[in-house]
Structure formats: C-alpha cells, structure tokens
Amino acid sequence: MQIKQIFLVLFFGGLVSLHVLTPWGCLATEIKILALGDSLIAGYGLEEKDHFTTQLQKKLKNEGL
C-alpha cells in the first residue's frame, strides 16, 4: 500500500509540474535538434561544409526554421 501511495504522489506531482512548466516552452527562441548516429553523422574525415549537421542547419535556416 505504501508503494502505491508513493507512486500516486510522484505521478500527480509530475502531472502538476508539467502543467505549470508547459507555458515556458512557448518562450523558447531557438530549436535544438539532437542528431544521434555514427561517424557519418559526426562527419569524421569530411570538411566542415560536408558534415551532415552543417548541411541540416543550412537547410533548416533556408526553410526559415
């Protein structure tokens, strides 16, 4: 019974914190994207202009994002 009460307190506490903190996400001025991968994503052995992340950033900027 004790575990159930702890779970409920944590669960509802998490819901309340999400509700309270959600409006602050609208104030973000930039978007951050995490690209997970291997050496192809990191661009090892390539020039900076040929890195995937550099090309992605340039494409998103051109699209106005």
PDB file of N, CA and C in Angstrom:
ATOM      1  N   MET A   1       0.824  -1.193   0.000  1.00  0.00           N
ATOM      2  CA  MET A   1       0.000   0.000   0.000  1.00  0.00           C
ATOM      3  C   MET A   1       0.870   1.259   0.000  1.00  0.00           C
ATOM      4  N   GLN A   2       1.986   1.202   0.712  1.00  0.00           N
ATOM      5  CA  GLN A   2       2.899   2.341   0.797  1.00  0.00           C
ATOM      6  C   GLN A   2       3.462   2.689  -0.586  1.00  0.00           C
ATOM      7  N   ILE A   3       3.812   1.689  -1.369  1.00  0.00           N
ATOM      8  CA  ILE A   3       4.377   1.912  -2.702  1.00  0.00           C
ATOM      9  C   ILE A   3       3.346   2.571  -3.602  1.00  0.00           C
ATOM     10  N   LYS A   4       2.098   2.157  -3.492  1.00  0.00           N
ATOM     11  CA  LYS A   4       1.030   2.737  -4.303  1.00  0.00           C
ATOM     12  C   LYS A   4       0.860   4.223  -3.981  1.00  0.00           C
ATOM     13  N   GLN A   5       0.926   4.580  -2.722  1.00  0.00           N
ATOM     14  CA  GLN A   5       0.788   5.982  -2.330  1.00  0.00           C
ATOM     15  C   GLN A   5       1.963   6.811  -2.851  1.00  0.00           C
ATOM     16  N   ILE A   6       3.159   6.273  -2.745  1.00  0.00           N
ATOM     17  CA  ILE A   6       4.339   6.980  -3.253  1.00  0.00           C
ATOM     18  C   ILE A   6       4.223   7.173  -4.757  1.00  0.00           C
ATOM     19  N   PHE A   7       3.810   6.130  -5.461  1.00  0.00           N
ATOM     20  CA  PHE A   7       3.647   6.222  -6.905  1.00  0.00           C
ATOM     21  C   PHE A   7       2.626   7.294  -7.270  1.00  0.00           C
ATOM     22  N   LEU A   8       1.489   7.308  -6.588  1.00  0.00           N
ATOM     23  CA  LEU A   8       0.447   8.291  -6.886  1.00  0.00           C
ATOM     24  C   LEU A   8       0.921   9.719  -6.623  1.00  0.00           C
ATOM     25  N   VAL A   9       1.639   9.921  -5.531  1.00  0.00           N
ATOM     26  CA  VAL A   9       2.158  11.257  -5.226  1.00  0.00           C
ATOM     27  C   VAL A   9       3.135  11.704  -6.309  1.00  0.00           C
ATOM     28  N   LEU A  10       4.053  10.829  -6.697  1.00  0.00           N
ATOM     29  CA  LEU A  10       5.021  11.177  -7.739  1.00  0.00           C
ATOM     30  C   LEU A  10       4.346  11.390  -9.086  1.00  0.00           C
ATOM     31  N   PHE A  11       3.375  10.552  -9.401  1.00  0.00           N
ATOM     32  CA  PHE A  11       2.679  10.661 -10.684  1.00  0.00           C
ATOM     33  C   PHE A  11       1.928  11.984 -10.782  1.00  0.00           C
ATOM     34  N   PHE A  12       1.122  12.287  -9.780  1.00  0.00           N
ATOM     35  CA  PHE A  12       0.343  13.521  -9.823  1.00  0.00           C
ATOM     36  C   PHE A  12       1.227  14.755  -9.655  1.00  0.00           C
ATOM     37  N   GLY A  13       2.311  14.617  -8.908  1.00  0.00           N
ATOM     38  CA  GLY A  13       3.271  15.713  -8.819  1.00  0.00           C
ATOM     39  C   GLY A  13       3.904  16.000 -10.172  1.00  0.00           C
ATOM     40  N   GLY A  14       4.205  14.941 -10.916  1.00  0.00           N
ATOM     41  CA  GLY A  14       4.743  15.109 -12.265  1.00  0.00           C
ATOM     42  C   GLY A  14       3.747  15.765 -13.195  1.00  0.00           C
ATOM     43  N   LEU A  15       2.487  15.370 -13.103  1.00  0.00           N
ATOM     44  CA  LEU A  15       1.455  15.990 -13.937  1.00  0.00           C
ATOM     45  C   LEU A  15       1.304  17.473 -13.632  1.00  0.00           C
ATOM     46  N   VAL A  16       1.312  17.808 -12.356  1.00  0.00           N
ATOM     47  CA  VAL A  16       1.190  19.216 -11.966  1.00  0.00           C
ATOM     48  C   VAL A  16       2.385  20.010 -12.472  1.00  0.00           C
ATOM     49  N   SER A  17       3.589  19.465 -12.340  1.00  0.00           N
ATOM     50  CA  SER A  17       4.770  20.194 -12.799  1.00  0.00           C
ATOM     51  C   SER A  17       4.757  20.364 -14.313  1.00  0.00           C
ATOM     52  N   LEU A  18       4.280  19.381 -15.042  1.00  0.00           N
ATOM     53  CA  LEU A  18       4.168  19.528 -16.496  1.00  0.00           C
ATOM     54  C   LEU A  18       3.170  20.614 -16.854  1.00  0.00           C
ATOM     55  N   HIS A  19       2.073  20.653 -16.136  1.00  0.00           N
ATOM     56  CA  HIS A  19       1.045  21.658 -16.404  1.00  0.00           C
ATOM     57  C   HIS A  19       1.572  23.060 -16.114  1.00  0.00           C
ATOM     58  N   VAL A  20       2.330  23.197 -15.051  1.00  0.00           N
ATOM     59  CA  VAL A  20       2.850  24.505 -14.656  1.00  0.00           C
ATOM     60  C   VAL A  20       3.966  24.957 -15.592  1.00  0.00           C
ATOM     61  N   LEU A  21       4.831  24.046 -16.019  1.00  0.00           N
ATOM     62  CA  LEU A  21       6.005  24.409 -16.811  1.00  0.00           C
ATOM     63  C   LEU A  21       5.753  24.461 -18.308  1.00  0.00           C
ATOM     64  N   THR A  22       4.643  23.936 -18.781  1.00  0.00           N
ATOM     65  CA  THR A  22       4.375  23.890 -20.216  1.00  0.00           C
ATOM     66  C   THR A  22       4.384  25.261 -20.884  1.00  0.00           C
ATOM     67  N   PRO A  23       3.774  26.294 -20.320  1.00  0.00           N
ATOM     68  CA  PRO A  23       3.787  27.596 -20.999  1.00  0.00           C
ATOM     69  C   PRO A  23       5.182  28.147 -21.240  1.00  0.00           C
ATOM     70  N   TRP A  24       6.155  27.775 -20.411  1.00  0.00           N
ATOM     71  CA  TRP A  24       7.506  28.292 -20.584  1.00  0.00           C
ATOM     72  C   TRP A  24       8.156  27.766 -21.854  1.00  0.00           C
ATOM     73  N   GLY A  25       7.713  26.626 -22.353  1.00  0.00           N
ATOM     74  CA  GLY A  25       8.251  26.095 -23.600  1.00  0.00           C
ATOM     75  C   GLY A  25       7.919  26.971 -24.788  1.00  0.00           C
ATOM     76  N   CYS A  26       6.845  27.723 -24.697  1.00  0.00           N
ATOM     77  CA  CYS A  26       6.440  28.618 -25.782  1.00  0.00           C
ATOM     78  C   CYS A  26       7.363  29.819 -25.893  1.00  0.00           C
ATOM     79  N   LEU A  27       8.138  30.088 -24.877  1.00  0.00           N
ATOM     80  CA  LEU A  27       9.023  31.243 -24.876  1.00  0.00           C
ATOM     81  C   LEU A  27      10.384  30.943 -25.489  1.00  0.00           C
ATOM     82  N   ALA A  28      10.612  29.724 -25.916  1.00  0.00           N
ATOM     83  CA  ALA A  28      11.907  29.353 -26.490  1.00  0.00           C
ATOM     84  C   ALA A  28      12.155  30.142 -27.767  1.00  0.00           C
ATOM     85  N   THR A  29      13.369  30.643 -27.919  1.00  0.00           N
ATOM     86  CA  THR A  29      13.698  31.442 -29.094  1.00  0.00           C
ATOM     87  C   THR A  29      14.452  30.638 -30.146  1.00  0.00           C
ATOM     88  N   GLU A  30      14.898  29.466 -29.788  1.00  0.00           N
ATOM     89  CA  GLU A  30      15.592  28.632 -30.765  1.00  0.00           C
ATOM     90  C   GLU A  30      15.216  27.172 -30.558  1.00  0.00           C
ATOM     91  N   ILE A  31      15.367  26.414 -31.624  1.00  0.00           N
ATOM     92  CA  ILE A  31      15.063  24.988 -31.588  1.00  0.00           C
ATOM     93  C   ILE A  31      16.383  24.235 -31.567  1.00  0.00           C
ATOM     94  N   LYS A  32      16.482  23.235 -30.711  1.00  0.00           N
ATOM     95  CA  LYS A  32      17.683  22.404 -30.666  1.00  0.00           C
ATOM     96  C   LYS A  32      17.309  21.000 -31.111  1.00  0.00           C
ATOM     97  N   ILE A  33      18.105  20.448 -32.020  1.00  0.00           N
ATOM     98  CA  ILE A  33      17.887  19.104 -32.535  1.00  0.00           C
ATOM     99  C   ILE A  33      19.114  18.270 -32.192  1.00  0.00           C
ATOM    100  N   LEU A  34      18.888  17.101 -31.651  1.00  0.00           N
ATOM    101  CA  LEU A  34      19.974  16.184 -31.325  1.00  0.00           C
ATOM    102  C   LEU A  34      20.046  15.122 -32.415  1.00  0.00           C
ATOM    103  N   ALA A  35      21.175  15.053 -33.114  1.00  0.00           N
ATOM    104  CA  ALA A  35      21.374  14.062 -34.165  1.00  0.00           C
ATOM    105  C   ALA A  35      22.237  12.934 -33.610  1.00  0.00           C
ATOM    106  N   LEU A  36      21.636  11.789 -33.418  1.00  0.00           N
ATOM    107  CA  LEU A  36      22.370  10.626 -32.921  1.00  0.00           C
ATOM    108  C   LEU A  36      22.814   9.770 -34.097  1.00  0.00           C
ATOM    109  N   GLY A  37      24.006   9.263 -34.029  1.00  0.00           N
ATOM    110  CA  GLY A  37      24.472   8.419 -35.117  1.00  0.00           C
ATOM    111  C   GLY A  37      25.929   8.033 -34.940  1.00  0.00           C
ATOM    112  N   ASP A  38      26.529   7.663 -36.049  1.00  0.00           N
ATOM    113  CA  ASP A  38      27.914   7.210 -36.031  1.00  0.00           C
ATOM    114  C   ASP A  38      28.811   8.256 -36.685  1.00  0.00           C
ATOM    115  N   SER A  39      29.896   7.809 -37.283  1.00  0.00           N
ATOM    116  CA  SER A  39      30.848   8.734 -37.889  1.00  0.00           C
ATOM    117  C   SER A  39      30.247   9.491 -39.072  1.00  0.00           C
ATOM    118  N   LEU A  40      29.219   8.945 -39.690  1.00  0.00           N
ATOM    119  CA  LEU A  40      28.575   9.657 -40.795  1.00  0.00           C
ATOM    120  C   LEU A  40      27.858  10.911 -40.295  1.00  0.00           C
ATOM    121  N   ILE A  41      27.239  10.808 -39.150  1.00  0.00           N
ATOM    122  CA  ILE A  41      26.576  11.973 -38.560  1.00  0.00           C
ATOM    123  C   ILE A  41      27.622  12.961 -38.049  1.00  0.00           C
ATOM    124  N   ALA A  42      28.672  12.454 -37.418  1.00  0.00           N
ATOM    125  CA  ALA A  42      29.714  13.317 -36.857  1.00  0.00           C
ATOM    126  C   ALA A  42      30.558  13.971 -37.948  1.00  0.00           C
ATOM    127  N   GLY A  43      30.633  13.347 -39.122  1.00  0.00           N
ATOM    128  CA  GLY A  43      31.374  13.922 -40.234  1.00  0.00           C
ATOM    129  C   GLY A  43      32.871  13.704 -40.162  1.00  0.00           C
ATOM    130  N   TYR A  44      33.309  12.625 -39.519  1.00  0.00           N
ATOM    131  CA  TYR A  44      34.743  12.350 -39.424  1.00  0.00           C
ATOM    132  C   TYR A  44      35.347  12.184 -40.814  1.00  0.00           C
ATOM    133  N   GLY A  45      36.449  12.870 -41.036  1.00  0.00           N
ATOM    134  CA  GLY A  45      37.153  12.768 -42.305  1.00  0.00           C
ATOM    135  C   GLY A  45      36.585  13.660 -43.395  1.00  0.00           C
ATOM    136  N   LEU A  46      35.595  14.463 -43.069  1.00  0.00           N
ATOM    137  CA  LEU A  46      34.994  15.363 -44.051  1.00  0.00           C
ATOM    138  C   LEU A  46      35.306  16.808 -43.696  1.00  0.00           C
ATOM    139  N   GLU A  47      35.210  17.664 -44.690  1.00  0.00           N
ATOM    140  CA  GLU A  47      35.342  19.090 -44.414  1.00  0.00           C
ATOM    141  C   GLU A  47      34.102  19.556 -43.663  1.00  0.00           C
ATOM    142  N   GLU A  48      34.234  20.654 -42.937  1.00  0.00           N
ATOM    143  CA  GLU A  48      33.128  21.179 -42.121  1.00  0.00           C
ATOM    144  C   GLU A  48      31.868  21.402 -42.958  1.00  0.00           C
ATOM    145  N   LYS A  49      32.029  21.887 -44.178  1.00  0.00           N
ATOM    146  CA  LYS A  49      30.868  22.170 -45.030  1.00  0.00           C
ATOM    147  C   LYS A  49      30.135  20.906 -45.468  1.00  0.00           C
ATOM    148  N   ASP A  50      30.796  19.754 -45.382  1.00  0.00           N
ATOM    149  CA  ASP A  50      30.191  18.495 -45.815  1.00  0.00           C
ATOM    150  C   ASP A  50      29.578  17.689 -44.672  1.00  0.00           C
ATOM    151  N   HIS A  51      29.707  18.172 -43.433  1.00  0.00           N
ATOM    152  CA  HIS A  51      29.111  17.463 -42.294  1.00  0.00           C
ATOM    153  C   HIS A  51      27.592  17.457 -42.418  1.00  0.00           C
ATOM    154  N   PHE A  52      26.978  16.371 -41.995  1.00  0.00           N
ATOM    155  CA  PHE A  52      25.518  16.261 -42.020  1.00  0.00           C
ATOM    156  C   PHE A  52      24.869  17.372 -41.203  1.00  0.00           C
ATOM    157  N   THR A  53      25.427  17.618 -40.010  1.00  0.00           N
ATOM    158  CA  THR A  53      24.819  18.623 -39.139  1.00  0.00           C
ATOM    159  C   THR A  53      24.920  20.026 -39.734  1.00  0.00           C
ATOM    160  N   THR A  54      26.018  20.317 -40.414  1.00  0.00           N
ATOM    161  CA  THR A  54      26.172  21.616 -41.070  1.00  0.00           C
ATOM    162  C   THR A  54      25.167  21.761 -42.196  1.00  0.00           C
ATOM    163  N   GLN A  55      25.008  20.706 -42.992  1.00  0.00           N
ATOM    164  CA  GLN A  55      24.050  20.751 -44.094  1.00  0.00           C
ATOM    165  C   GLN A  55      22.619  20.848 -43.579  1.00  0.00           C
ATOM    166  N   LEU A  56      22.314  20.124 -42.502  1.00  0.00           N
ATOM    167  CA  LEU A  56      20.977  20.182 -41.915  1.00  0.00           C
ATOM    168  C   LEU A  56      20.678  21.579 -41.390  1.00  0.00           C
ATOM    169  N   GLN A  57      21.645  22.171 -40.705  1.00  0.00           N
ATOM    170  CA  GLN A  57      21.463  23.517 -40.176  1.00  0.00           C
ATOM    171  C   GLN A  57      21.229  24.522 -41.300  1.00  0.00           C
ATOM    172  N   LYS A  58      21.995  24.398 -42.381  1.00  0.00           N
ATOM    173  CA  LYS A  58      21.841  25.298 -43.518  1.00  0.00           C
ATOM    174  C   LYS A  58      20.463  25.125 -44.164  1.00  0.00           C
ATOM    175  N   LYS A  59      20.016  23.884 -44.318  1.00  0.00           N
ATOM    176  CA  LYS A  59      18.710  23.601 -44.920  1.00  0.00           C
ATOM    177  C   LYS A  59      17.582  24.171 -44.060  1.00  0.00           C
ATOM    178  N   LEU A  60      17.662  23.970 -42.757  1.00  0.00           N
ATOM    179  CA  LEU A  60      16.622  24.487 -41.863  1.00  0.00           C
ATOM    180  C   LEU A  60      16.595  26.011 -41.864  1.00  0.00           C
ATOM    181  N   LYS A  61      17.771  26.632 -41.927  1.00  0.00           N
ATOM    182  CA  LYS A  61      17.833  28.092 -41.991  1.00  0.00           C
ATOM    183  C   LYS A  61      17.201  28.607 -43.279  1.00  0.00           C
ATOM    184  N   ASN A  62      17.480  27.924 -44.393  1.00  0.00           N
ATOM    185  CA  ASN A  62      16.900  28.326 -45.676  1.00  0.00           C
ATOM    186  C   ASN A  62      15.384  28.176 -45.690  1.00  0.00           C
ATOM    187  N   GLU A  63      14.875  27.210 -44.933  1.00  0.00           N
ATOM    188  CA  GLU A  63      13.427  26.979 -44.847  1.00  0.00           C
ATOM    189  C   GLU A  63      12.763  27.920 -43.846  1.00  0.00           C
ATOM    190  N   GLY A  64      13.569  28.688 -43.138  1.00  0.00           N
ATOM    191  CA  GLY A  64      13.027  29.628 -42.165  1.00  0.00           C
ATOM    192  C   GLY A  64      12.705  29.017 -40.820  1.00  0.00           C
ATOM    193  N   LEU A  65      13.324  27.893 -40.516  1.00  0.00           N
ATOM    194  CA  LEU A  65      13.078  27.242 -39.226  1.00  0.00           C
ATOM    195  C   LEU A  65      14.211  27.479 -38.262  1.00  0.00           C
TER     196      LEU A  65
END
